[in-house]
């Protein structure tokens, strides 16, 4: 298992486009990947719909946790995506 915490930086938080990019990136790896919030909710990172149910806003601190083949690589790739603000200005 490999996990890392990150702060959501883009202004609009986790809306449709970031959720789509996040789930697509997670889906490129074989590991099981979960996104966990500070209030204890956890969803499958490969499911755009599950990600959307969290209603994550700018400034939220989340943990990305992966288990299996490529676990470190997928977490690092998703962290980079979040830190890039999902390509938003």
PDB file of N, CA and C in Angstrom:
ATOM      1  N   UNK A   1       0.837  -1.185   0.000  1.00  0.00           N
ATOM      2  CA  UNK A   1       0.000   0.000   0.000  1.00  0.00           C
ATOM      3  C   UNK A   1       0.880   1.245   0.000  1.00  0.00           C
ATOM      4  N   UNK A   2       0.456   2.252  -0.750  1.00  0.00           N
ATOM      5  CA  UNK A   2       1.147   3.543  -0.800  1.00  0.00           C
ATOM      6  C   UNK A   2       0.082   4.628  -0.748  1.00  0.00           C
ATOM      7  N   UNK A   3       0.293   5.631   0.094  1.00  0.00           N
ATOM      8  CA  UNK A   3      -0.690   6.709   0.233  1.00  0.00           C
ATOM      9  C   UNK A   3       0.025   8.041   0.377  1.00  0.00           C
ATOM     10  N   UNK A   4      -0.649   9.083  -0.072  1.00  0.00           N
ATOM     11  CA  UNK A   4      -0.111  10.433   0.037  1.00  0.00           C
ATOM     12  C   UNK A   4      -1.279  11.409   0.160  1.00  0.00           C
ATOM     13  N   UNK A   5      -1.060  12.467   0.923  1.00  0.00           N
ATOM     14  CA  UNK A   5      -2.080  13.486   1.143  1.00  0.00           C
ATOM     15  C   UNK A   5      -1.788  14.703   0.278  1.00  0.00           C
ATOM     16  N   UNK A   6      -2.862  15.337  -0.210  1.00  0.00           N
ATOM     17  CA  UNK A   6      -2.712  16.511  -1.074  1.00  0.00           C
ATOM     18  C   UNK A   6      -3.892  17.460  -0.831  1.00  0.00           C
ATOM     19  N   UNK A   7      -3.657  18.735  -1.071  1.00  0.00           N
ATOM     20  CA  UNK A   7      -4.704  19.748  -0.948  1.00  0.00           C
ATOM     21  C   UNK A   7      -5.236  20.099  -2.333  1.00  0.00           C
ATOM     22  N   UNK A   8      -6.559  20.085  -2.481  1.00  0.00           N
ATOM     23  CA  UNK A   8      -7.182  20.455  -3.754  1.00  0.00           C
ATOM     24  C   UNK A   8      -6.984  21.955  -3.955  1.00  0.00           C
ATOM     25  N   UNK A   9      -6.346  22.316  -5.068  1.00  0.00           N
ATOM     26  CA  UNK A   9      -5.924  23.695  -5.271  1.00  0.00           C
ATOM     27  C   UNK A   9      -6.753  24.473  -6.284  1.00  0.00           C
ATOM     28  N   UNK A  10      -7.416  23.791  -7.199  1.00  0.00           N
ATOM     29  CA  UNK A  10      -8.136  24.544  -8.228  1.00  0.00           C
ATOM     30  C   UNK A  10      -9.361  25.228  -7.640  1.00  0.00           C
ATOM     31  N   UNK A  11      -9.677  26.385  -8.180  1.00  0.00           N
ATOM     32  CA  UNK A  11     -10.691  27.278  -7.620  1.00  0.00           C
ATOM     33  C   UNK A  11     -12.070  26.646  -7.476  1.00  0.00           C
ATOM     34  N   UNK A  12     -12.463  25.827  -8.444  1.00  0.00           N
ATOM     35  CA  UNK A  12     -13.812  25.257  -8.425  1.00  0.00           C
ATOM     36  C   UNK A  12     -13.874  23.877  -7.778  1.00  0.00           C
ATOM     37  N   UNK A  13     -12.770  23.421  -7.232  1.00  0.00           N
ATOM     38  CA  UNK A  13     -12.767  22.127  -6.572  1.00  0.00           C
ATOM     39  C   UNK A  13     -12.898  20.970  -7.556  1.00  0.00           C
ATOM     40  N   UNK A  14     -13.523  19.905  -7.079  1.00  0.00           N
ATOM     41  CA  UNK A  14     -13.618  18.664  -7.842  1.00  0.00           C
ATOM     42  C   UNK A  14     -14.943  18.625  -8.596  1.00  0.00           C
ATOM     43  N   UNK A  15     -15.036  19.379  -9.679  1.00  0.00           N
ATOM     44  CA  UNK A  15     -16.248  19.358 -10.498  1.00  0.00           C
ATOM     45  C   UNK A  15     -16.083  18.314 -11.605  1.00  0.00           C
ATOM     46  N   UNK A  16     -16.908  18.359 -12.623  1.00  0.00           N
ATOM     47  CA  UNK A  16     -16.952  17.301 -13.636  1.00  0.00           C
ATOM     48  C   UNK A  16     -15.610  17.076 -14.334  1.00  0.00           C
ATOM     49  N   UNK A  17     -15.008  18.123 -14.840  1.00  0.00           N
ATOM     50  CA  UNK A  17     -13.764  17.952 -15.603  1.00  0.00           C
ATOM     51  C   UNK A  17     -12.635  17.352 -14.752  1.00  0.00           C
ATOM     52  N   UNK A  18     -12.346  17.879 -13.568  1.00  0.00           N
ATOM     53  CA  UNK A  18     -11.307  17.255 -12.749  1.00  0.00           C
ATOM     54  C   UNK A  18     -11.628  15.802 -12.390  1.00  0.00           C
ATOM     55  N   UNK A  19     -12.887  15.519 -12.096  1.00  0.00           N
ATOM     56  CA  UNK A  19     -13.263  14.146 -11.765  1.00  0.00           C
ATOM     57  C   UNK A  19     -13.021  13.216 -12.950  1.00  0.00           C
ATOM     58  N   UNK A  20     -13.322  13.690 -14.152  1.00  0.00           N
ATOM     59  CA  UNK A  20     -13.091  12.888 -15.351  1.00  0.00           C
ATOM     60  C   UNK A  20     -11.600  12.647 -15.559  1.00  0.00           C
ATOM     61  N   UNK A  21     -10.796  13.702 -15.478  1.00  0.00           N
ATOM     62  CA  UNK A  21      -9.349  13.559 -15.653  1.00  0.00           C
ATOM     63  C   UNK A  21      -8.755  12.638 -14.595  1.00  0.00           C
ATOM     64  N   UNK A  22      -9.215  12.782 -13.366  1.00  0.00           N
ATOM     65  CA  UNK A  22      -8.714  11.989 -12.248  1.00  0.00           C
ATOM     66  C   UNK A  22      -9.026  10.507 -12.455  1.00  0.00           C
ATOM     67  N   UNK A  23     -10.268  10.202 -12.815  1.00  0.00           N
ATOM     68  CA  UNK A  23     -10.662   8.803 -13.004  1.00  0.00           C
ATOM     69  C   UNK A  23      -9.969   8.183 -14.213  1.00  0.00           C
ATOM     70  N   UNK A  24      -9.782   8.966 -15.274  1.00  0.00           N
ATOM     71  CA  UNK A  24      -9.074   8.455 -16.453  1.00  0.00           C
ATOM     72  C   UNK A  24      -7.620   8.141 -16.118  1.00  0.00           C
ATOM     73  N   UNK A  25      -6.973   9.020 -15.375  1.00  0.00           N
ATOM     74  CA  UNK A  25      -5.574   8.790 -14.990  1.00  0.00           C
ATOM     75  C   UNK A  25      -5.470   7.556 -14.094  1.00  0.00           C
ATOM     76  N   UNK A  26      -6.346   7.443 -13.117  1.00  0.00           N
ATOM     77  CA  UNK A  26      -6.329   6.291 -12.211  1.00  0.00           C
ATOM     78  C   UNK A  26      -6.560   4.991 -12.973  1.00  0.00           C
ATOM     79  N   UNK A  27      -7.412   5.036 -13.987  1.00  0.00           N
ATOM     80  CA  UNK A  27      -7.742   3.852 -14.764  1.00  0.00           C
ATOM     81  C   UNK A  27      -6.609   3.311 -15.611  1.00  0.00           C
ATOM     82  N   UNK A  28      -5.549   4.081 -15.762  1.00  0.00           N
ATOM     83  CA  UNK A  28      -4.408   3.628 -16.555  1.00  0.00           C
ATOM     84  C   UNK A  28      -3.481   2.701 -15.773  1.00  0.00           C
ATOM     85  N   UNK A  29      -3.782   2.480 -14.503  1.00  0.00           N
ATOM     86  CA  UNK A  29      -2.927   1.659 -13.654  1.00  0.00           C
ATOM     87  C   UNK A  29      -3.710   0.468 -13.120  1.00  0.00           C
ATOM     88  N   UNK A  30      -2.991  -0.600 -12.819  1.00  0.00           N
ATOM     89  CA  UNK A  30      -3.631  -1.818 -12.331  1.00  0.00           C
ATOM     90  C   UNK A  30      -4.006  -1.794 -10.864  1.00  0.00           C
ATOM     91  N   UNK A  31      -3.421  -0.899 -10.105  1.00  0.00           N
ATOM     92  CA  UNK A  31      -3.663  -0.858  -8.663  1.00  0.00           C
ATOM     93  C   UNK A  31      -5.087  -0.414  -8.340  1.00  0.00           C
ATOM     94  N   UNK A  32      -5.588  -0.866  -7.196  1.00  0.00           N
ATOM     95  CA  UNK A  32      -6.837  -0.343  -6.649  1.00  0.00           C
ATOM     96  C   UNK A  32      -6.503   1.014  -6.047  1.00  0.00           C
ATOM     97  N   UNK A  33      -7.284   2.040  -6.369  1.00  0.00           N
ATOM     98  CA  UNK A  33      -6.973   3.397  -5.920  1.00  0.00           C
ATOM     99  C   UNK A  33      -8.201   4.011  -5.254  1.00  0.00           C
ATOM    100  N   UNK A  34      -8.000   4.522  -4.049  1.00  0.00           N
ATOM    101  CA  UNK A  34      -9.082   5.146  -3.299  1.00  0.00           C
ATOM    102  C   UNK A  34      -8.757   6.599  -3.003  1.00  0.00           C
ATOM    103  N   UNK A  35      -9.787   7.429  -2.975  1.00  0.00           N
ATOM    104  CA  UNK A  35      -9.658   8.812  -2.538  1.00  0.00           C
ATOM    105  C   UNK A  35     -10.401   8.908  -1.214  1.00  0.00           C
ATOM    106  N   UNK A  36      -9.689   9.371  -0.184  1.00  0.00           N
ATOM    107  CA  UNK A  36     -10.267   9.446   1.158  1.00  0.00           C
ATOM    108  C   UNK A  36     -10.307  10.895   1.626  1.00  0.00           C
ATOM    109  N   UNK A  37     -11.439  11.260   2.216  1.00  0.00           N
ATOM    110  CA  UNK A  37     -11.597  12.612   2.752  1.00  0.00           C
ATOM    111  C   UNK A  37     -11.328  12.595   4.256  1.00  0.00           C
ATOM    112  N   UNK A  38     -11.133  13.778   4.824  1.00  0.00           N
ATOM    113  CA  UNK A  38     -10.864  13.880   6.258  1.00  0.00           C
ATOM    114  C   UNK A  38     -12.053  13.479   7.117  1.00  0.00           C
ATOM    115  N   UNK A  39     -13.255  13.473   6.535  1.00  0.00           N
ATOM    116  CA  UNK A  39     -14.431  13.079   7.313  1.00  0.00           C
ATOM    117  C   UNK A  39     -14.737  11.587   7.198  1.00  0.00           C
ATOM    118  N   UNK A  40     -13.789  10.828   6.640  1.00  0.00           N
ATOM    119  CA  UNK A  40     -13.906   9.377   6.624  1.00  0.00           C
ATOM    120  C   UNK A  40     -14.545   8.764   5.398  1.00  0.00           C
ATOM    121  N   UNK A  41     -14.971   9.578   4.438  1.00  0.00           N
ATOM    122  CA  UNK A  41     -15.553   9.009   3.215  1.00  0.00           C
ATOM    123  C   UNK A  41     -14.440   8.519   2.297  1.00  0.00           C
ATOM    124  N   UNK A  42     -14.743   7.474   1.543  1.00  0.00           N
ATOM    125  CA  UNK A  42     -13.756   6.870   0.656  1.00  0.00           C
ATOM    126  C   UNK A  42     -14.451   6.385  -0.611  1.00  0.00           C
ATOM    127  N   UNK A  43     -13.850   6.702  -1.774  1.00  0.00           N
ATOM    128  CA  UNK A  43     -14.440   6.263  -3.045  1.00  0.00           C
ATOM    129  C   UNK A  43     -13.363   5.712  -3.976  1.00  0.00           C
ATOM    130  N   UNK A  44     -13.806   4.955  -4.950  1.00  0.00           N
ATOM    131  CA  UNK A  44     -12.942   4.396  -5.988  1.00  0.00           C
ATOM    132  C   UNK A  44     -12.527   5.511  -6.947  1.00  0.00           C
ATOM    133  N   UNK A  45     -11.229   5.724  -7.076  1.00  0.00           N
ATOM    134  CA  UNK A  45     -10.718   6.796  -7.947  1.00  0.00           C
ATOM    135  C   UNK A  45     -10.983   6.539  -9.423  1.00  0.00           C
ATOM    136  N   UNK A  46     -11.327   5.319  -9.770  1.00  0.00           N
ATOM    137  CA  UNK A  46     -11.572   4.999 -11.171  1.00  0.00           C
ATOM    138  C   UNK A  46     -13.024   5.266 -11.573  1.00  0.00           C
ATOM    139  N   UNK A  47     -13.833   5.700 -10.613  1.00  0.00           N
ATOM    140  CA  UNK A  47     -15.244   5.989 -10.873  1.00  0.00           C
ATOM    141  C   UNK A  47     -15.497   7.488 -10.800  1.00  0.00           C
ATOM    142  N   UNK A  48     -15.748   8.093 -11.942  1.00  0.00           N
ATOM    143  CA  UNK A  48     -16.025   9.524 -11.992  1.00  0.00           C
ATOM    144  C   UNK A  48     -17.250   9.875 -11.147  1.00  0.00           C
ATOM    145  N   UNK A  49     -18.282   9.055 -11.216  1.00  0.00           N
ATOM    146  CA  UNK A  49     -19.504   9.323 -10.458  1.00  0.00           C
ATOM    147  C   UNK A  49     -19.252   9.288  -8.958  1.00  0.00           C
ATOM    148  N   UNK A  50     -18.485   8.312  -8.498  1.00  0.00           N
ATOM    149  CA  UNK A  50     -18.177   8.237  -7.070  1.00  0.00           C
ATOM    150  C   UNK A  50     -17.375   9.459  -6.633  1.00  0.00           C
ATOM    151  N   UNK A  51     -16.425   9.877  -7.458  1.00  0.00           N
ATOM    152  CA  UNK A  51     -15.634  11.067  -7.130  1.00  0.00           C
ATOM    153  C   UNK A  51     -16.528  12.297  -7.012  1.00  0.00           C
ATOM    154  N   UNK A  52     -17.497  12.425  -7.902  1.00  0.00           N
ATOM    155  CA  UNK A  52     -18.394  13.575  -7.902  1.00  0.00           C
ATOM    156  C   UNK A  52     -19.264  13.632  -6.641  1.00  0.00           C
ATOM    157  N   UNK A  53     -19.591  12.477  -6.072  1.00  0.00           N
ATOM    158  CA  UNK A  53     -20.461  12.459  -4.891  1.00  0.00           C
ATOM    159  C   UNK A  53     -19.805  13.095  -3.674  1.00  0.00           C
ATOM    160  N   UNK A  54     -18.491  13.230  -3.681  1.00  0.00           N
ATOM    161  CA  UNK A  54     -17.788  13.786  -2.524  1.00  0.00           C
ATOM    162  C   UNK A  54     -17.953  15.298  -2.394  1.00  0.00           C
ATOM    163  N   UNK A  55     -18.214  15.991  -3.492  1.00  0.00           N
ATOM    164  CA  UNK A  55     -18.375  17.444  -3.444  1.00  0.00           C
ATOM    165  C   UNK A  55     -17.156  18.160  -2.884  1.00  0.00           C
ATOM    166  N   UNK A  56     -15.988  17.750  -3.306  1.00  0.00           N
ATOM    167  CA  UNK A  56     -14.737  18.301  -2.774  1.00  0.00           C
ATOM    168  C   UNK A  56     -14.519  19.719  -3.289  1.00  0.00           C
ATOM    169  N   UNK A  57     -14.237  20.623  -2.363  1.00  0.00           N
ATOM    170  CA  UNK A  57     -14.033  22.027  -2.704  1.00  0.00           C
ATOM    171  C   UNK A  57     -12.564  22.414  -2.593  1.00  0.00           C
ATOM    172  N   UNK A  58     -12.237  23.583  -3.128  1.00  0.00           N
ATOM    173  CA  UNK A  58     -10.877  24.105  -3.039  1.00  0.00           C
ATOM    174  C   UNK A  58     -10.466  24.163  -1.570  1.00  0.00           C
ATOM    175  N   UNK A  59      -9.237  23.738  -1.301  1.00  0.00           N
ATOM    176  CA  UNK A  59      -8.704  23.751   0.051  1.00  0.00           C
ATOM    177  C   UNK A  59      -8.905  22.464   0.819  1.00  0.00           C
ATOM    178  N   UNK A  60      -9.723  21.556   0.286  1.00  0.00           N
ATOM    179  CA  UNK A  60      -9.938  20.272   0.955  1.00  0.00           C
ATOM    180  C   UNK A  60      -8.654  19.453   0.921  1.00  0.00           C
ATOM    181  N   UNK A  61      -8.389  18.763   2.018  1.00  0.00           N
ATOM    182  CA  UNK A  61      -7.232  17.877   2.097  1.00  0.00           C
ATOM    183  C   UNK A  61      -7.743  16.452   1.927  1.00  0.00           C
ATOM    184  N   UNK A  62      -7.185  15.740   0.953  1.00  0.00           N
ATOM    185  CA  UNK A  62      -7.605  14.370   0.669  1.00  0.00           C
ATOM    186  C   UNK A  62      -6.385  13.454   0.654  1.00  0.00           C
ATOM    187  N   UNK A  63      -6.644  12.176   0.840  1.00  0.00           N
ATOM    188  CA  UNK A  63      -5.585  11.173   0.775  1.00  0.00           C
ATOM    189  C   UNK A  63      -5.859  10.256  -0.403  1.00  0.00           C
ATOM    190  N   UNK A  64      -4.838  10.047  -1.209  1.00  0.00           N
ATOM    191  CA  UNK A  64      -4.919   9.106  -2.324  1.00  0.00           C
ATOM    192  C   UNK A  64      -4.169   7.862  -1.884  1.00  0.00           C
ATOM    193  N   UNK A  65      -4.857   6.735  -1.905  1.00  0.00           N
ATOM    194  CA  UNK A  65      -4.281   5.484  -1.413  1.00  0.00           C
ATOM    195  C   UNK A  65      -4.396   4.412  -2.497  1.00  0.00           C
ATOM    196  N   UNK A  66      -3.298   3.735  -2.766  1.00  0.00           N
ATOM    197  CA  UNK A  66      -3.314   2.692  -3.794  1.00  0.00           C
ATOM    198  C   UNK A  66      -2.726   1.406  -3.240  1.00  0.00           C
ATOM    199  N   UNK A  67      -3.213   0.301  -3.782  1.00  0.00           N
ATOM    200  CA  UNK A  67      -2.738  -1.005  -3.370  1.00  0.00           C
ATOM    201  C   UNK A  67      -2.670  -1.899  -4.605  1.00  0.00           C
ATOM    202  N   UNK A  68      -1.485  -2.438  -4.857  1.00  0.00           N
ATOM    203  CA  UNK A  68      -1.340  -3.337  -5.989  1.00  0.00           C
ATOM    204  C   UNK A  68      -0.298  -2.864  -6.975  1.00  0.00           C
ATOM    205  N   UNK A  69      -0.352  -3.422  -8.166  1.00  0.00           N
ATOM    206  CA  UNK A  69       0.629  -3.150  -9.210  1.00  0.00           C
ATOM    207  C   UNK A  69       0.649  -1.671  -9.594  1.00  0.00           C
ATOM    208  N   UNK A  70       1.801  -1.039  -9.458  1.00  0.00           N
ATOM    209  CA  UNK A  70       1.951   0.363  -9.822  1.00  0.00           C
ATOM    210  C   UNK A  70       1.398   1.330  -8.793  1.00  0.00           C
ATOM    211  N   UNK A  71       1.278   0.883  -7.536  1.00  0.00           N
ATOM    212  CA  UNK A  71       0.639   1.719  -6.508  1.00  0.00           C
ATOM    213  C   UNK A  71       1.342   3.060  -6.301  1.00  0.00           C
ATOM    214  N   UNK A  72       2.651   3.059  -6.233  1.00  0.00           N
ATOM    215  CA  UNK A  72       3.377   4.318  -6.021  1.00  0.00           C
ATOM    216  C   UNK A  72       3.234   5.227  -7.240  1.00  0.00           C
ATOM    217  N   UNK A  73       3.343   4.654  -8.418  1.00  0.00           N
ATOM    218  CA  UNK A  73       3.273   5.429  -9.652  1.00  0.00           C
ATOM    219  C   UNK A  73       1.915   6.097  -9.837  1.00  0.00           C
ATOM    220  N   UNK A  74       0.835   5.379  -9.528  1.00  0.00           N
ATOM    221  CA  UNK A  74      -0.495   5.965  -9.711  1.00  0.00           C
ATOM    222  C   UNK A  74      -0.736   7.088  -8.711  1.00  0.00           C
ATOM    223  N   UNK A  75      -0.310   6.903  -7.473  1.00  0.00           N
ATOM    224  CA  UNK A  75      -0.487   7.968  -6.476  1.00  0.00           C
ATOM    225  C   UNK A  75       0.298   9.205  -6.893  1.00  0.00           C
ATOM    226  N   UNK A  76       1.530   9.012  -7.322  1.00  0.00           N
ATOM    227  CA  UNK A  76       2.353  10.150  -7.742  1.00  0.00           C
ATOM    228  C   UNK A  76       1.758  10.856  -8.962  1.00  0.00           C
ATOM    229  N   UNK A  77       1.212  10.093  -9.906  1.00  0.00           N
ATOM    230  CA  UNK A  77       0.593  10.685 -11.098  1.00  0.00           C
ATOM    231  C   UNK A  77      -0.641  11.504 -10.715  1.00  0.00           C
ATOM    232  N   UNK A  78      -1.441  10.999  -9.797  1.00  0.00           N
ATOM    233  CA  UNK A  78      -2.644  11.717  -9.376  1.00  0.00           C
ATOM    234  C   UNK A  78      -2.295  12.960  -8.558  1.00  0.00           C
ATOM    235  N   UNK A  79      -1.251  12.876  -7.755  1.00  0.00           N
ATOM    236  CA  UNK A  79      -0.781  14.046  -7.000  1.00  0.00           C
ATOM    237  C   UNK A  79      -0.348  15.143  -7.974  1.00  0.00           C
ATOM    238  N   UNK A  80       0.401  14.758  -9.010  1.00  0.00           N
ATOM    239  CA  UNK A  80       0.830  15.745 -10.013  1.00  0.00           C
ATOM    240  C   UNK A  80      -0.375  16.398 -10.691  1.00  0.00           C
ATOM    241  N   UNK A  81      -1.386  15.602 -10.984  1.00  0.00           N
ATOM    242  CA  UNK A  81      -2.596  16.125 -11.619  1.00  0.00           C
ATOM    243  C   UNK A  81      -3.284  17.150 -10.712  1.00  0.00           C
ATOM    244  N   UNK A  82      -3.406  16.834  -9.441  1.00  0.00           N
ATOM    245  CA  UNK A  82      -4.016  17.772  -8.489  1.00  0.00           C
ATOM    246  C   UNK A  82      -3.176  19.039  -8.383  1.00  0.00           C
ATOM    247  N   UNK A  83      -1.859  18.878  -8.282  1.00  0.00           N
ATOM    248  CA  UNK A  83      -0.973  20.033  -8.141  1.00  0.00           C
ATOM    249  C   UNK A  83      -0.965  20.916  -9.384  1.00  0.00           C
ATOM    250  N   UNK A  84      -1.305  20.340 -10.534  1.00  0.00           N
ATOM    251  CA  UNK A  84      -1.393  21.125 -11.773  1.00  0.00           C
ATOM    252  C   UNK A  84      -2.724  21.879 -11.862  1.00  0.00           C
ATOM    253  N   UNK A  85      -3.561  21.734 -10.837  1.00  0.00           N
ATOM    254  CA  UNK A  85      -4.906  22.320 -10.812  1.00  0.00           C
ATOM    255  C   UNK A  85      -5.749  21.806 -11.976  1.00  0.00           C
ATOM    256  N   UNK A  86      -5.460  20.583 -12.404  1.00  0.00           N
ATOM    257  CA  UNK A  86      -6.198  19.929 -13.488  1.00  0.00           C
ATOM    258  C   UNK A  86      -6.147  20.731 -14.774  1.00  0.00           C
ATOM    259  N   UNK A  87      -5.074  21.487 -14.954  1.00  0.00           N
ATOM    260  CA  UNK A  87      -4.897  22.284 -16.159  1.00  0.00           C
ATOM    261  C   UNK A  87      -5.737  23.544 -16.204  1.00  0.00           C
ATOM    262  N   UNK A  88      -6.397  23.871 -15.096  1.00  0.00           N
ATOM    263  CA  UNK A  88      -7.216  25.080 -15.044  1.00  0.00           C
ATOM    264  C   UNK A  88      -6.360  26.264 -14.623  1.00  0.00           C
ATOM    265  N   UNK A  89      -6.743  27.445 -15.050  1.00  0.00           N
ATOM    266  CA  UNK A  89      -5.982  28.663 -14.720  1.00  0.00           C
ATOM    267  C   UNK A  89      -6.092  29.010 -13.258  1.00  0.00           C
TER     268      UNK A  89
END
